[in-house]
Amino acid sequence: MDFSFLLGCAIFLLKSVLRNG
């Protein structure tokens, strides 16, 4: 798996949670 892809996905989810919270 591509680490950069996983990192980008994690950041995207984190931003989404912070925005919704």
Protein backbone atom coordinates (compact mmCIF):
# COMPACT_ATOMS: atom_id res chain seq x y z
CA MET A 1 0.00 0.00 0.00
CA ASP A 2 1.05 3.57 -0.62
CA PHE A 3 1.83 5.30 2.67
CA SER A 4 1.23 8.75 1.19
CA PHE A 5 -2.28 7.67 0.18
CA LEU A 6 -3.07 6.42 3.68
CA LEU A 7 -1.66 9.60 5.20
CA GLY A 8 -3.72 11.79 2.89
CA CYS A 9 -6.85 9.77 3.69
CA ALA A 10 -6.22 10.10 7.44
CA ILE A 11 -5.77 13.87 7.10
CA PHE A 12 -8.94 14.12 5.02
CA LEU A 13 -10.95 12.22 7.64
CA LEU A 14 -9.43 14.31 10.44
CA LYS A 15 -10.33 17.57 8.70
CA SER A 16 -13.85 16.28 8.08
CA VAL A 17 -14.31 15.39 11.75
CA LEU A 18 -12.96 18.75 12.91
CA ARG A 19 -15.22 20.58 10.46
CA ASN A 20 -18.31 18.62 11.57
CA GLY A 21 -17.41 18.94 15.23
